[in-house]
PDB file of N, CA and C in Angstrom:
ATOM      1  N   UNK A   1       7.769  -7.705  12.910  1.00  0.00           N
ATOM      2  CA  UNK A   1       7.650  -6.653  13.895  1.00  0.00           C
ATOM      3  C   UNK A   1       8.198  -7.122  15.237  1.00  0.00           C
ATOM      4  N   UNK A   2       7.888  -8.344  15.604  1.00  0.00           N
ATOM      5  CA  UNK A   2       8.358  -8.884  16.874  1.00  0.00           C
ATOM      6  C   UNK A   2       9.877  -9.008  16.866  1.00  0.00           C
ATOM      7  N   UNK A   3      10.417  -9.480  15.759  1.00  0.00           N
ATOM      8  CA  UNK A   3      11.873  -9.632  15.659  1.00  0.00           C
ATOM      9  C   UNK A   3      12.577  -8.273  15.708  1.00  0.00           C
ATOM     10  N   UNK A   4      12.027  -7.279  15.029  1.00  0.00           N
ATOM     11  CA  UNK A   4      12.626  -5.937  15.048  1.00  0.00           C
ATOM     12  C   UNK A   4      12.538  -5.336  16.443  1.00  0.00           C
ATOM     13  N   UNK A   5      11.417  -5.542  17.123  1.00  0.00           N
ATOM     14  CA  UNK A   5      11.255  -5.013  18.477  1.00  0.00           C
ATOM     15  C   UNK A   5      12.247  -5.658  19.437  1.00  0.00           C
ATOM     16  N   UNK A   6      12.440  -6.954  19.311  1.00  0.00           N
ATOM     17  CA  UNK A   6      13.375  -7.648  20.198  1.00  0.00           C
ATOM     18  C   UNK A   6      14.826  -7.283  19.892  1.00  0.00           C
ATOM     19  N   UNK A   7      15.148  -7.157  18.622  1.00  0.00           N
ATOM     20  CA  UNK A   7      16.524  -6.887  18.223  1.00  0.00           C
ATOM     21  C   UNK A   7      16.969  -5.473  18.582  1.00  0.00           C
ATOM     22  N   UNK A   8      16.069  -4.501  18.465  1.00  0.00           N
ATOM     23  CA  UNK A   8      16.436  -3.101  18.689  1.00  0.00           C
ATOM     24  C   UNK A   8      15.863  -2.516  19.977  1.00  0.00           C
ATOM     25  N   UNK A   9      15.342  -3.358  20.856  1.00  0.00           N
ATOM     26  CA  UNK A   9      14.796  -2.940  22.159  1.00  0.00           C
ATOM     27  C   UNK A   9      13.770  -1.814  22.024  1.00  0.00           C
ATOM     28  N   UNK A  10      12.821  -2.011  21.135  1.00  0.00           N
ATOM     29  CA  UNK A  10      11.732  -1.059  20.933  1.00  0.00           C
ATOM     30  C   UNK A  10      10.451  -1.748  21.392  1.00  0.00           C
ATOM     31  N   UNK A  11       9.588  -1.054  22.152  1.00  0.00           N
ATOM     32  CA  UNK A  11       8.315  -1.682  22.531  1.00  0.00           C
ATOM     33  C   UNK A  11       7.488  -2.021  21.292  1.00  0.00           C
ATOM     34  N   UNK A  12       6.924  -3.197  21.295  1.00  0.00           N
ATOM     35  CA  UNK A  12       6.171  -3.680  20.145  1.00  0.00           C
ATOM     36  C   UNK A  12       4.975  -2.772  19.828  1.00  0.00           C
ATOM     37  N   UNK A  13       4.393  -2.160  20.859  1.00  0.00           N
ATOM     38  CA  UNK A  13       3.233  -1.290  20.662  1.00  0.00           C
ATOM     39  C   UNK A  13       3.593  -0.011  19.906  1.00  0.00           C
ATOM     40  N   UNK A  14       4.867   0.349  19.879  1.00  0.00           N
ATOM     41  CA  UNK A  14       5.280   1.578  19.210  1.00  0.00           C
ATOM     42  C   UNK A  14       5.675   1.366  17.751  1.00  0.00           C
ATOM     43  N   UNK A  15       5.726   0.139  17.303  1.00  0.00           N
ATOM     44  CA  UNK A  15       6.087  -0.135  15.909  1.00  0.00           C
ATOM     45  C   UNK A  15       4.836  -0.030  15.041  1.00  0.00           C
ATOM     46  N   UNK A  16       4.955   0.698  13.941  1.00  0.00           N
ATOM     47  CA  UNK A  16       3.828   0.937  13.050  1.00  0.00           C
ATOM     48  C   UNK A  16       3.557  -0.282  12.173  1.00  0.00           C
ATOM     49  N   UNK A  17       2.320  -0.762  12.198  1.00  0.00           N
ATOM     50  CA  UNK A  17       1.953  -1.894  11.358  1.00  0.00           C
ATOM     51  C   UNK A  17       1.965  -1.495   9.886  1.00  0.00           C
ATOM     52  N   UNK A  18       1.380  -0.340   9.586  1.00  0.00           N
ATOM     53  CA  UNK A  18       1.341   0.130   8.194  1.00  0.00           C
ATOM     54  C   UNK A  18       2.751   0.403   7.678  1.00  0.00           C
ATOM     55  N   UNK A  19       3.613   0.982   8.527  1.00  0.00           N
ATOM     56  CA  UNK A  19       4.991   1.209   8.128  1.00  0.00           C
ATOM     57  C   UNK A  19       5.730  -0.092   7.860  1.00  0.00           C
ATOM     58  N   UNK A  20       5.441  -1.098   8.681  1.00  0.00           N
ATOM     59  CA  UNK A  20       6.050  -2.413   8.486  1.00  0.00           C
ATOM     60  C   UNK A  20       5.593  -3.031   7.173  1.00  0.00           C
ATOM     61  N   UNK A  21       4.303  -2.936   6.885  1.00  0.00           N
ATOM     62  CA  UNK A  21       3.777  -3.491   5.632  1.00  0.00           C
ATOM     63  C   UNK A  21       4.385  -2.775   4.425  1.00  0.00           C
ATOM     64  N   UNK A  22       4.480  -1.458   4.492  1.00  0.00           N
ATOM     65  CA  UNK A  22       5.057  -0.700   3.379  1.00  0.00           C
ATOM     66  C   UNK A  22       6.537  -1.026   3.173  1.00  0.00           C
ATOM     67  N   UNK A  23       7.282  -1.101   4.268  1.00  0.00           N
ATOM     68  CA  UNK A  23       8.712  -1.418   4.164  1.00  0.00           C
ATOM     69  C   UNK A  23       8.922  -2.825   3.610  1.00  0.00           C
ATOM     70  N   UNK A  24       8.083  -3.759   4.018  1.00  0.00           N
ATOM     71  CA  UNK A  24       8.206  -5.137   3.524  1.00  0.00           C
ATOM     72  C   UNK A  24       7.950  -5.197   2.025  1.00  0.00           C
ATOM     73  N   UNK A  25       6.961  -4.453   1.556  1.00  0.00           N
ATOM     74  CA  UNK A  25       6.681  -4.419   0.116  1.00  0.00           C
ATOM     75  C   UNK A  25       7.866  -3.811  -0.633  1.00  0.00           C
ATOM     76  N   UNK A  26       8.430  -2.741  -0.096  1.00  0.00           N
ATOM     77  CA  UNK A  26       9.558  -2.083  -0.751  1.00  0.00           C
ATOM     78  C   UNK A  26      10.792  -2.990  -0.814  1.00  0.00           C
ATOM     79  N   UNK A  27      11.055  -3.726   0.245  1.00  0.00           N
ATOM     80  CA  UNK A  27      12.246  -4.576   0.304  1.00  0.00           C
ATOM     81  C   UNK A  27      12.050  -5.926  -0.381  1.00  0.00           C
ATOM     82  N   UNK A  28      10.809  -6.344  -0.637  1.00  0.00           N
ATOM     83  CA  UNK A  28      10.575  -7.694  -1.154  1.00  0.00           C
ATOM     84  C   UNK A  28      11.229  -7.934  -2.511  1.00  0.00           C
ATOM     85  N   UNK A  29      11.092  -6.990  -3.416  1.00  0.00           N
ATOM     86  CA  UNK A  29      11.680  -7.167  -4.750  1.00  0.00           C
ATOM     87  C   UNK A  29      13.204  -7.219  -4.676  1.00  0.00           C
ATOM     88  N   UNK A  30      13.792  -6.386  -3.835  1.00  0.00           N
ATOM     89  CA  UNK A  30      15.248  -6.373  -3.688  1.00  0.00           C
ATOM     90  C   UNK A  30      15.746  -7.674  -3.054  1.00  0.00           C
ATOM     91  N   UNK A  31      14.978  -8.186  -2.098  1.00  0.00           N
ATOM     92  CA  UNK A  31      15.351  -9.458  -1.464  1.00  0.00           C
ATOM     93  C   UNK A  31      15.328 -10.603  -2.470  1.00  0.00           C
ATOM     94  N   UNK A  32      14.355 -10.604  -3.346  1.00  0.00           N
ATOM     95  CA  UNK A  32      14.257 -11.662  -4.362  1.00  0.00           C
ATOM     96  C   UNK A  32      15.432 -11.596  -5.323  1.00  0.00           C
ATOM     97  N   UNK A  33      15.883 -10.387  -5.626  1.00  0.00           N
ATOM     98  CA  UNK A  33      16.952 -10.221  -6.607  1.00  0.00           C
ATOM     99  C   UNK A  33      18.347 -10.316  -5.998  1.00  0.00           C
ATOM    100  N   UNK A  34      18.449 -10.457  -4.686  1.00  0.00           N
ATOM    101  CA  UNK A  34      19.769 -10.551  -4.052  1.00  0.00           C
ATOM    102  C   UNK A  34      20.501 -11.788  -4.564  1.00  0.00           C
ATOM    103  N   UNK A  35      21.793 -11.627  -4.851  1.00  0.00           N
ATOM    104  CA  UNK A  35      22.558 -12.710  -5.482  1.00  0.00           C
ATOM    105  C   UNK A  35      23.090 -13.742  -4.505  1.00  0.00           C
ATOM    106  N   UNK A  36      23.272 -13.382  -3.243  1.00  0.00           N
ATOM    107  CA  UNK A  36      23.853 -14.337  -2.296  1.00  0.00           C
ATOM    108  C   UNK A  36      23.079 -14.307  -0.978  1.00  0.00           C
ATOM    109  N   UNK A  37      23.304 -15.326  -0.174  1.00  0.00           N
ATOM    110  CA  UNK A  37      22.684 -15.398   1.147  1.00  0.00           C
ATOM    111  C   UNK A  37      23.156 -14.245   2.035  1.00  0.00           C
ATOM    112  N   UNK A  38      24.438 -13.876   1.878  1.00  0.00           N
ATOM    113  CA  UNK A  38      24.990 -12.783   2.672  1.00  0.00           C
ATOM    114  C   UNK A  38      24.287 -11.466   2.346  1.00  0.00           C
ATOM    115  N   UNK A  39      24.029 -11.232   1.081  1.00  0.00           N
ATOM    116  CA  UNK A  39      23.326 -10.012   0.668  1.00  0.00           C
ATOM    117  C   UNK A  39      21.887 -10.018   1.177  1.00  0.00           C
ATOM    118  N   UNK A  40      21.238 -11.172   1.156  1.00  0.00           N
ATOM    119  CA  UNK A  40      19.881 -11.282   1.682  1.00  0.00           C
ATOM    120  C   UNK A  40      19.843 -11.006   3.178  1.00  0.00           C
ATOM    121  N   UNK A  41      20.806 -11.566   3.913  1.00  0.00           N
ATOM    122  CA  UNK A  41      20.859 -11.313   5.367  1.00  0.00           C
ATOM    123  C   UNK A  41      21.072  -9.842   5.661  1.00  0.00           C
ATOM    124  N   UNK A  42      21.908  -9.181   4.863  1.00  0.00           N
ATOM    125  CA  UNK A  42      22.153  -7.753   5.040  1.00  0.00           C
ATOM    126  C   UNK A  42      20.880  -6.957   4.790  1.00  0.00           C
ATOM    127  N   UNK A  43      20.144  -7.323   3.748  1.00  0.00           N
ATOM    128  CA  UNK A  43      18.889  -6.639   3.447  1.00  0.00           C
ATOM    129  C   UNK A  43      17.841  -6.857   4.540  1.00  0.00           C
ATOM    130  N   UNK A  44      17.775  -8.069   5.069  1.00  0.00           N
ATOM    131  CA  UNK A  44      16.834  -8.352   6.158  1.00  0.00           C
ATOM    132  C   UNK A  44      17.198  -7.540   7.396  1.00  0.00           C
ATOM    133  N   UNK A  45      18.482  -7.429   7.688  1.00  0.00           N
ATOM    134  CA  UNK A  45      18.930  -6.614   8.820  1.00  0.00           C
ATOM    135  C   UNK A  45      18.562  -5.146   8.604  1.00  0.00           C
ATOM    136  N   UNK A  46      18.756  -4.658   7.391  1.00  0.00           N
ATOM    137  CA  UNK A  46      18.363  -3.287   7.072  1.00  0.00           C
ATOM    138  C   UNK A  46      16.847  -3.098   7.199  1.00  0.00           C
ATOM    139  N   UNK A  47      16.097  -4.089   6.738  1.00  0.00           N
ATOM    140  CA  UNK A  47      14.642  -4.028   6.836  1.00  0.00           C
ATOM    141  C   UNK A  47      14.197  -3.963   8.296  1.00  0.00           C
ATOM    142  N   UNK A  48      14.801  -4.783   9.144  1.00  0.00           N
ATOM    143  CA  UNK A  48      14.450  -4.770  10.567  1.00  0.00           C
ATOM    144  C   UNK A  48      14.787  -3.429  11.206  1.00  0.00           C
ATOM    145  N   UNK A  49      15.879  -2.818  10.782  1.00  0.00           N
ATOM    146  CA  UNK A  49      16.247  -1.500  11.312  1.00  0.00           C
ATOM    147  C   UNK A  49      15.227  -0.444  10.878  1.00  0.00           C
ATOM    148  N   UNK A  50      14.781  -0.522   9.631  1.00  0.00           N
ATOM    149  CA  UNK A  50      13.764   0.422   9.135  1.00  0.00           C
ATOM    150  C   UNK A  50      12.458   0.235   9.898  1.00  0.00           C
ATOM    151  N   UNK A  51      12.088  -1.006  10.135  1.00  0.00           N
ATOM    152  CA  UNK A  51      10.855  -1.296  10.886  1.00  0.00           C
ATOM    153  C   UNK A  51      10.943  -0.747  12.304  1.00  0.00           C
ATOM    154  N   UNK A  52      12.084  -0.943  12.952  1.00  0.00           N
ATOM    155  CA  UNK A  52      12.253  -0.471  14.323  1.00  0.00           C
ATOM    156  C   UNK A  52      12.284   1.054  14.397  1.00  0.00           C
ATOM    157  N   UNK A  53      12.782   1.713  13.354  1.00  0.00           N
ATOM    158  CA  UNK A  53      12.846   3.181  13.346  1.00  0.00           C
ATOM    159  C   UNK A  53      11.495   3.832  13.089  1.00  0.00           C
ATOM    160  N   UNK A  54      10.588   3.125  12.451  1.00  0.00           N
ATOM    161  CA  UNK A  54       9.276   3.688  12.122  1.00  0.00           C
ATOM    162  C   UNK A  54       8.334   3.491  13.307  1.00  0.00           C
ATOM    163  N   UNK A  55       8.465   4.374  14.293  1.00  0.00           N
ATOM    164  CA  UNK A  55       7.675   4.261  15.516  1.00  0.00           C
ATOM    165  C   UNK A  55       6.425   5.124  15.439  1.00  0.00           C
ATOM    166  N   UNK A  56       5.377   4.643  16.065  1.00  0.00           N
ATOM    167  CA  UNK A  56       4.139   5.403  16.176  1.00  0.00           C
ATOM    168  C   UNK A  56       4.345   6.446  17.265  1.00  0.00           C
ATOM    169  N   UNK A  57       3.994   7.714  17.020  1.00  0.00           N
ATOM    170  CA  UNK A  57       4.201   8.739  18.049  1.00  0.00           C
ATOM    171  C   UNK A  57       3.301   8.517  19.260  1.00  0.00           C
ATOM    172  N   UNK A  58       3.755   8.966  20.399  1.00  0.00           N
ATOM    173  CA  UNK A  58       2.975   8.865  21.626  1.00  0.00           C
ATOM    174  C   UNK A  58       1.799   9.839  21.534  1.00  0.00           C
ATOM    175  N   UNK A  59       0.606   9.335  21.765  1.00  0.00           N
ATOM    176  CA  UNK A  59      -0.591  10.170  21.675  1.00  0.00           C
ATOM    177  C   UNK A  59      -1.402  10.001  22.955  1.00  0.00           C
ATOM    178  N   UNK A  60      -1.034  10.720  24.011  1.00  0.00           N
ATOM    179  CA  UNK A  60      -1.735  10.543  25.287  1.00  0.00           C
ATOM    180  C   UNK A  60      -3.169  11.055  25.219  1.00  0.00           C
ATOM    181  N   UNK A  61      -4.031  10.361  25.934  1.00  0.00           N
ATOM    182  CA  UNK A  61      -5.417  10.794  26.024  1.00  0.00           C
ATOM    183  C   UNK A  61      -6.287  10.458  24.833  1.00  0.00           C
ATOM    184  N   UNK A  62      -5.756   9.741  23.865  1.00  0.00           N
ATOM    185  CA  UNK A  62      -6.555   9.389  22.695  1.00  0.00           C
ATOM    186  C   UNK A  62      -7.292   8.086  22.956  1.00  0.00           C
ATOM    187  N   UNK A  63      -8.540   8.079  22.656  1.00  0.00           N
ATOM    188  CA  UNK A  63      -9.341   6.861  22.764  1.00  0.00           C
ATOM    189  C   UNK A  63     -10.248   6.811  21.546  1.00  0.00           C
ATOM    190  N   UNK A  64     -10.070   5.853  20.713  1.00  0.00           N
ATOM    191  CA  UNK A  64     -10.881   5.712  19.518  1.00  0.00           C
ATOM    192  C   UNK A  64     -11.808   4.510  19.693  1.00  0.00           C
ATOM    193  N   UNK A  65     -13.083   4.762  19.984  1.00  0.00           N
ATOM    194  CA  UNK A  65     -14.006   3.635  20.171  1.00  0.00           C
ATOM    195  C   UNK A  65     -14.279   2.934  18.847  1.00  0.00           C
ATOM    196  N   UNK A  66     -14.507   1.649  18.942  1.00  0.00           N
ATOM    197  CA  UNK A  66     -14.860   0.892  17.748  1.00  0.00           C
ATOM    198  C   UNK A  66     -16.372   0.950  17.597  1.00  0.00           C
ATOM    199  N   UNK A  67     -16.818   1.515  16.515  1.00  0.00           N
ATOM    200  CA  UNK A  67     -18.250   1.659  16.273  1.00  0.00           C
ATOM    201  C   UNK A  67     -18.498   1.649  14.773  1.00  0.00           C
ATOM    202  N   UNK A  68     -19.702   1.289  14.418  1.00  0.00           N
ATOM    203  CA  UNK A  68     -20.097   1.270  13.021  1.00  0.00           C
ATOM    204  C   UNK A  68     -21.223   2.272  12.841  1.00  0.00           C
ATOM    205  N   UNK A  69     -21.070   3.139  11.901  1.00  0.00           N
ATOM    206  CA  UNK A  69     -22.102   4.118  11.612  1.00  0.00           C
ATOM    207  C   UNK A  69     -22.876   3.621  10.405  1.00  0.00           C
ATOM    208  N   UNK A  70     -24.103   3.308  10.614  1.00  0.00           N
ATOM    209  CA  UNK A  70     -24.936   2.806   9.522  1.00  0.00           C
ATOM    210  C   UNK A  70     -25.880   3.897   9.062  1.00  0.00           C
ATOM    211  N   UNK A  71     -25.943   4.065   7.781  1.00  0.00           N
ATOM    212  CA  UNK A  71     -26.840   5.059   7.223  1.00  0.00           C
ATOM    213  C   UNK A  71     -28.245   4.483   7.117  1.00  0.00           C
ATOM    214  N   UNK A  72     -29.271   5.278   7.381  1.00  0.00           N
ATOM    215  CA  UNK A  72     -30.636   4.760   7.282  1.00  0.00           C
ATOM    216  C   UNK A  72     -30.981   4.418   5.840  1.00  0.00           C
ATOM    217  N   UNK A  73     -31.673   3.334   5.672  1.00  0.00           N
ATOM    218  CA  UNK A  73     -32.101   2.890   4.346  1.00  0.00           C
ATOM    219  C   UNK A  73     -33.563   3.249   4.134  1.00  0.00           C
ATOM    220  N   UNK A  74     -33.956   3.380   2.888  1.00  0.00           N
ATOM    221  CA  UNK A  74     -35.341   3.729   2.591  1.00  0.00           C
ATOM    222  C   UNK A  74     -36.243   2.508   2.537  1.00  0.00           C
ATOM    223  N   UNK A  75     -35.683   1.325   2.620  1.00  0.00           N
ATOM    224  CA  UNK A  75     -36.474   0.103   2.551  1.00  0.00           C
ATOM    225  C   UNK A  75     -36.605  -0.510   3.940  1.00  0.00           C
ATOM    226  N   UNK A  76     -37.722  -1.191   4.223  1.00  0.00           N
ATOM    227  CA  UNK A  76     -37.852  -1.848   5.526  1.00  0.00           C
ATOM    228  C   UNK A  76     -36.932  -3.062   5.616  1.00  0.00           C
ATOM    229  N   UNK A  77     -36.698  -3.506   6.826  1.00  0.00           N
ATOM    230  CA  UNK A  77     -35.832  -4.661   7.063  1.00  0.00           C
ATOM    231  C   UNK A  77     -36.608  -5.933   6.737  1.00  0.00           C
ATOM    232  N   UNK A  78     -35.970  -6.823   5.986  1.00  0.00           N
ATOM    233  CA  UNK A  78     -36.593  -8.098   5.633  1.00  0.00           C
ATOM    234  C   UNK A  78     -36.361  -9.063   6.790  1.00  0.00           C
ATOM    235  N   UNK A  79     -37.326  -9.148   7.698  1.00  0.00           N
ATOM    236  CA  UNK A  79     -37.162  -9.978   8.880  1.00  0.00           C
ATOM    237  C   UNK A  79     -38.155 -11.134   8.918  1.00  0.00           C
ATOM    238  N   UNK A  80     -38.801 -11.418   7.802  1.00  0.00           N
ATOM    239  CA  UNK A  80     -39.701 -12.559   7.655  1.00  0.00           C
ATOM    240  C   UNK A  80     -39.327 -13.264   6.360  1.00  0.00           C
ATOM    241  N   UNK A  81     -39.774 -14.477   6.159  1.00  0.00           N
ATOM    242  CA  UNK A  81     -39.547 -15.110   4.859  1.00  0.00           C
ATOM    243  C   UNK A  81     -40.184 -14.279   3.747  1.00  0.00           C
ATOM    244  N   UNK A  82     -39.621 -14.348   2.566  1.00  0.00           N
ATOM    245  CA  UNK A  82     -40.081 -13.506   1.460  1.00  0.00           C
ATOM    246  C   UNK A  82     -41.555 -13.717   1.117  1.00  0.00           C
ATOM    247  N   UNK A  83     -42.055 -14.932   1.249  1.00  0.00           N
ATOM    248  CA  UNK A  83     -43.459 -15.204   0.934  1.00  0.00           C
ATOM    249  C   UNK A  83     -44.400 -14.520   1.926  1.00  0.00           C
ATOM    250  N   UNK A  84     -43.962 -14.380   3.162  1.00  0.00           N
ATOM    251  CA  UNK A  84     -44.813 -13.766   4.183  1.00  0.00           C
ATOM    252  C   UNK A  84     -44.645 -12.251   4.265  1.00  0.00           C
ATOM    253  N   UNK A  85     -43.569 -11.772   3.735  1.00  0.00           N
ATOM    254  CA  UNK A  85     -43.282 -10.342   3.869  1.00  0.00           C
ATOM    255  C   UNK A  85     -44.149  -9.541   2.916  1.00  0.00           C
ATOM    256  N   UNK A  86     -44.790  -8.539   3.448  1.00  0.00           N
ATOM    257  CA  UNK A  86     -45.575  -7.628   2.625  1.00  0.00           C
ATOM    258  C   UNK A  86     -45.060  -6.226   2.875  1.00  0.00           C
ATOM    259  N   UNK A  87     -44.896  -5.496   1.828  1.00  0.00           N
ATOM    260  CA  UNK A  87     -44.386  -4.144   1.952  1.00  0.00           C
ATOM    261  C   UNK A  87     -45.461  -3.240   2.541  1.00  0.00           C
ATOM    262  N   UNK A  88     -45.077  -2.474   3.543  1.00  0.00           N
ATOM    263  CA  UNK A  88     -45.989  -1.524   4.164  1.00  0.00           C
ATOM    264  C   UNK A  88     -45.718  -0.177   3.507  1.00  0.00           C
ATOM    265  N   UNK A  89     -46.686   0.410   2.822  1.00  0.00           N
ATOM    266  CA  UNK A  89     -46.421   1.604   2.020  1.00  0.00           C
ATOM    267  C   UNK A  89     -45.947   2.805   2.819  1.00  0.00           C
ATOM    268  N   UNK A  90     -46.379   2.965   4.032  1.00  0.00           N
ATOM    269  CA  UNK A  90     -46.009   4.157   4.784  1.00  0.00           C
ATOM    270  C   UNK A  90     -44.638   4.043   5.456  1.00  0.00           C
ATOM    271  N   UNK A  91     -44.003   2.885   5.409  1.00  0.00           N
ATOM    272  CA  UNK A  91     -42.718   2.717   6.098  1.00  0.00           C
ATOM    273  C   UNK A  91     -41.533   3.145   5.263  1.00  0.00           C
ATOM    274  N   UNK A  92     -41.722   3.407   4.013  1.00  0.00           N
ATOM    275  CA  UNK A  92     -40.582   3.837   3.194  1.00  0.00           C
ATOM    276  C   UNK A  92     -41.042   4.814   2.127  1.00  0.00           C
ATOM    277  N   UNK A  93     -40.082   5.340   1.426  1.00  0.00           N
ATOM    278  CA  UNK A  93     -40.375   6.305   0.377  1.00  0.00           C
ATOM    279  C   UNK A  93     -40.324   5.669  -1.009  1.00  0.00           C
ATOM    280  N   UNK A  94     -40.177   4.378  -1.067  1.00  0.00           N
ATOM    281  CA  UNK A  94     -40.062   3.684  -2.346  1.00  0.00           C
ATOM    282  C   UNK A  94     -41.445   3.514  -2.948  1.00  0.00           C
ATOM    283  N   UNK A  95     -41.624   3.993  -4.166  1.00  0.00           N
ATOM    284  CA  UNK A  95     -42.909   3.873  -4.855  1.00  0.00           C
ATOM    285  C   UNK A  95     -42.773   2.863  -5.983  1.00  0.00           C
ATOM    286  N   UNK A  96     -43.746   2.029  -6.102  1.00  0.00           N
ATOM    287  CA  UNK A  96     -43.730   1.049  -7.166  1.00  0.00           C
ATOM    288  C   UNK A  96     -44.265   1.642  -8.445  1.00  0.00           C
TER     289      UNK A  96
END
């Protein structure tokens, strides 16, 4: 990604990581099967051009906070050693 950004004067932040990963997977088999160094260099140049062309669109005003949504569990949290922990019947819906 860095090489494609430098070679084609594209801001690194606009290059798609997922697009780069997909293009690399697509080109990997062809690169392995290339018969000469010249053909490999040509394929790498083509790959870098594809990476540079796959830009992430500008999305002004978007802010995606990093957060984890945890679903409530029916069991209490095990916060004591197992020998000391006693199940409190009213804290969960689990019936023995």
